[in-house]
Amino acid sequence: MKVTVEGANIQCFVDNMEKPLIDYTDPKPFITGRAGFRTHSSVIRFDNFVVTPKAKDASAVAPLSFPEATTPRIYNMQGLPMPIGKPLPHGIYIVNGKKMAY
């Protein structure tokens, strides 16, 4: 599956990556936000979820960078460091650049 977004146009591809299954232009598009999945009445597991900018410019998605550390550093999904030594709520975190679930 692949989804491309360019301006207000959203294209969804499944199996055939040349011809979109859905080609929609949103009359009131979001100009900021996050990428994600939502499911309804089902148990689903996603892996290999990647967000990549189509072109490098001022509005492109910039990947988070994390400093190398000798002690484990834990970051939330916004890239903000979590307090060391305190219990974490269940969720997905990035530990020294690797995504892990707690």
C-alpha atoms as a PDB file:
ATOM      1  CA  MET A   1       0.000   0.000   0.000  1.00  0.00           C
ATOM      2  CA  LYS A   2       1.208   3.520  -0.782  1.00  0.00           C
ATOM      3  CA  VAL A   3      -0.376   6.919  -0.143  1.00  0.00           C
ATOM      4  CA  THR A   4       0.859  10.123  -1.778  1.00  0.00           C
ATOM      5  CA  VAL A   5      -0.211  13.624  -0.801  1.00  0.00           C
ATOM      6  CA  GLU A   6       0.614  16.654  -2.906  1.00  0.00           C
ATOM      7  CA  GLY A   7      -1.132  19.841  -1.845  1.00  0.00           C
ATOM      8  CA  ALA A   8      -4.829  18.997  -1.526  1.00  0.00           C
ATOM      9  CA  ASN A   9      -4.591  15.847  -3.694  1.00  0.00           C
ATOM     10  CA  ILE A  10      -4.508  12.439  -1.971  1.00  0.00           C
ATOM     11  CA  GLN A  11      -3.844   9.249  -3.912  1.00  0.00           C
ATOM     12  CA  CYS A  12      -4.054   5.740  -2.421  1.00  0.00           C
ATOM     13  CA  PHE A  13      -2.448   2.784  -4.175  1.00  0.00           C
ATOM     14  CA  VAL A  14      -3.011  -0.887  -3.318  1.00  0.00           C
ATOM     15  CA  ASP A  15      -1.204  -3.661  -5.260  1.00  0.00           C
ATOM     16  CA  ASN A  16      -0.903  -1.558  -8.481  1.00  0.00           C
ATOM     17  CA  MET A  17       1.522   1.282  -7.634  1.00  0.00           C
ATOM     18  CA  GLU A  18       0.969   3.021 -11.011  1.00  0.00           C
ATOM     19  CA  LYS A  19      -2.830   3.488 -10.897  1.00  0.00           C
ATOM     20  CA  PRO A  20      -4.381   4.919  -7.698  1.00  0.00           C
ATOM     21  CA  LEU A  21      -7.360   3.095  -6.203  1.00  0.00           C
ATOM     22  CA  ILE A  22      -8.455   6.424  -4.664  1.00  0.00           C
ATOM     23  CA  ASP A  23      -7.682   9.827  -6.195  1.00  0.00           C
ATOM     24  CA  TYR A  24      -9.251  12.608  -4.102  1.00  0.00           C
ATOM     25  CA  THR A  25      -8.772  16.374  -3.967  1.00  0.00           C
ATOM     26  CA  ASP A  26      -9.787  17.757  -0.573  1.00  0.00           C
ATOM     27  CA  PRO A  27     -11.675  21.081  -0.833  1.00  0.00           C
ATOM     28  CA  LYS A  28     -10.460  22.055   2.668  1.00  0.00           C
ATOM     29  CA  PRO A  29      -7.069  20.338   3.126  1.00  0.00           C
ATOM     30  CA  PHE A  30      -5.060  20.252   6.342  1.00  0.00           C
ATOM     31  CA  ILE A  31      -1.814  22.171   5.947  1.00  0.00           C
ATOM     32  CA  THR A  32      -0.211  20.667   9.059  1.00  0.00           C
ATOM     33  CA  GLY A  33      -0.566  17.413  10.945  1.00  0.00           C
ATOM     34  CA  ARG A  34       0.777  13.912  11.341  1.00  0.00           C
ATOM     35  CA  ALA A  35       0.583  10.737   9.341  1.00  0.00           C
ATOM     36  CA  GLY A  36      -1.023   7.642  10.845  1.00  0.00           C
ATOM     37  CA  PHE A  37      -3.503   4.802  10.485  1.00  0.00           C
ATOM     38  CA  ARG A  38      -6.906   4.267  11.986  1.00  0.00           C
ATOM     39  CA  THR A  39      -8.879   1.026  12.128  1.00  0.00           C
ATOM     40  CA  HIS A  40     -12.447   0.238  13.055  1.00  0.00           C
ATOM     41  CA  SER A  41     -13.838  -2.958  14.617  1.00  0.00           C
ATOM     42  CA  SER A  42     -10.736  -4.975  13.798  1.00  0.00           C
ATOM     43  CA  VAL A  43      -7.365  -5.982  15.115  1.00  0.00           C
ATOM     44  CA  ILE A  44      -4.650  -4.727  12.769  1.00  0.00           C
ATOM     45  CA  ARG A  45      -0.856  -4.617  12.906  1.00  0.00           C
ATOM     46  CA  PHE A  46       1.169  -2.255  10.739  1.00  0.00           C
ATOM     47  CA  ASP A  47       4.914  -2.369  10.171  1.00  0.00           C
ATOM     48  CA  ASN A  48       7.369  -0.628   7.849  1.00  0.00           C
ATOM     49  CA  PHE A  49       5.406   2.643   8.124  1.00  0.00           C
ATOM     50  CA  VAL A  50       7.573   5.352   6.530  1.00  0.00           C
ATOM     51  CA  VAL A  51       6.910   9.023   5.788  1.00  0.00           C
ATOM     52  CA  THR A  52       9.126  10.473   3.053  1.00  0.00           C
ATOM     53  CA  PRO A  53       9.059  13.923   1.470  1.00  0.00           C
ATOM     54  CA  LYS A  54       8.384  13.958  -2.254  1.00  0.00           C
ATOM     55  CA  ALA A  55      10.776  16.868  -2.797  1.00  0.00           C
ATOM     56  CA  LYS A  56      13.288  18.545  -0.518  1.00  0.00           C
ATOM     57  CA  ASP A  57      12.098  22.071   0.173  1.00  0.00           C
ATOM     58  CA  ALA A  58      11.194  24.236   3.151  1.00  0.00           C
ATOM     59  CA  SER A  59       7.886  22.383   3.653  1.00  0.00           C
ATOM     60  CA  ALA A  60       9.339  18.866   3.373  1.00  0.00           C
ATOM     61  CA  VAL A  61       9.169  16.368   6.219  1.00  0.00           C
ATOM     62  CA  ALA A  62      12.449  16.356   8.119  1.00  0.00           C
ATOM     63  CA  PRO A  63      13.319  13.113   9.932  1.00  0.00           C
ATOM     64  CA  LEU A  64      14.089  13.392  13.633  1.00  0.00           C
ATOM     65  CA  SER A  65      17.743  13.040  14.559  1.00  0.00           C
ATOM     66  CA  PHE A  66      18.873  11.709  17.895  1.00  0.00           C
ATOM     67  CA  PRO A  67      22.260  12.211  19.554  1.00  0.00           C
ATOM     68  CA  GLU A  68      24.414   9.150  20.219  1.00  0.00           C
ATOM     69  CA  ALA A  69      24.399   8.290  23.893  1.00  0.00           C
ATOM     70  CA  THR A  70      26.171   5.788  26.095  1.00  0.00           C
ATOM     71  CA  THR A  71      23.151   5.571  28.418  1.00  0.00           C
ATOM     72  CA  PRO A  72      19.771   4.822  26.864  1.00  0.00           C
ATOM     73  CA  ARG A  73      17.840   7.951  25.934  1.00  0.00           C
ATOM     74  CA  ILE A  74      14.097   7.604  25.460  1.00  0.00           C
ATOM     75  CA  TYR A  75      12.072   9.972  23.252  1.00  0.00           C
ATOM     76  CA  ASN A  76       8.335  10.207  22.641  1.00  0.00           C
ATOM     77  CA  MET A  77       6.986  10.127  19.072  1.00  0.00           C
ATOM     78  CA  GLN A  78       7.377  13.922  18.814  1.00  0.00           C
ATOM     79  CA  GLY A  79      11.112  13.534  19.440  1.00  0.00           C
ATOM     80  CA  LEU A  80      11.000  15.051  22.937  1.00  0.00           C
ATOM     81  CA  PRO A  81      13.186  13.371  25.592  1.00  0.00           C
ATOM     82  CA  MET A  82      11.385  11.458  28.337  1.00  0.00           C
ATOM     83  CA  PRO A  83      12.526  11.697  31.976  1.00  0.00           C
ATOM     84  CA  ILE A  84      15.166   9.115  32.922  1.00  0.00           C
ATOM     85  CA  GLY A  85      14.373   6.832  35.861  1.00  0.00           C
ATOM     86  CA  LYS A  86      10.610   7.478  35.889  1.00  0.00           C
ATOM     87  CA  PRO A  87       7.995   4.904  34.807  1.00  0.00           C
ATOM     88  CA  LEU A  88       6.664   5.467  31.275  1.00  0.00           C
ATOM     89  CA  PRO A  89       3.010   5.138  30.309  1.00  0.00           C
ATOM     90  CA  HIS A  90       2.280   2.398  27.785  1.00  0.00           C
ATOM     91  CA  GLY A  91       3.008   3.602  24.271  1.00  0.00           C
ATOM     92  CA  ILE A  92       5.588   3.755  21.507  1.00  0.00           C
ATOM     93  CA  TYR A  93       8.935   5.394  22.190  1.00  0.00           C
ATOM     94  CA  ILE A  94      12.237   5.836  20.397  1.00  0.00           C
ATOM     95  CA  VAL A  95      15.234   4.488  22.311  1.00  0.00           C
ATOM     96  CA  ASN A  96      18.580   5.739  20.912  1.00  0.00           C
ATOM     97  CA  GLY A  97      17.078   5.944  17.412  1.00  0.00           C
ATOM     98  CA  LYS A  98      15.173   2.594  17.484  1.00  0.00           C
ATOM     99  CA  LYS A  99      11.390   2.449  17.829  1.00  0.00           C
ATOM    100  CA  MET A 100      10.185   0.325  20.778  1.00  0.00           C
ATOM    101  CA  ALA A 101       6.816  -0.301  22.441  1.00  0.00           C
ATOM    102  CA  TYR A 102       6.421  -0.312  26.224  1.00  0.00           C
END
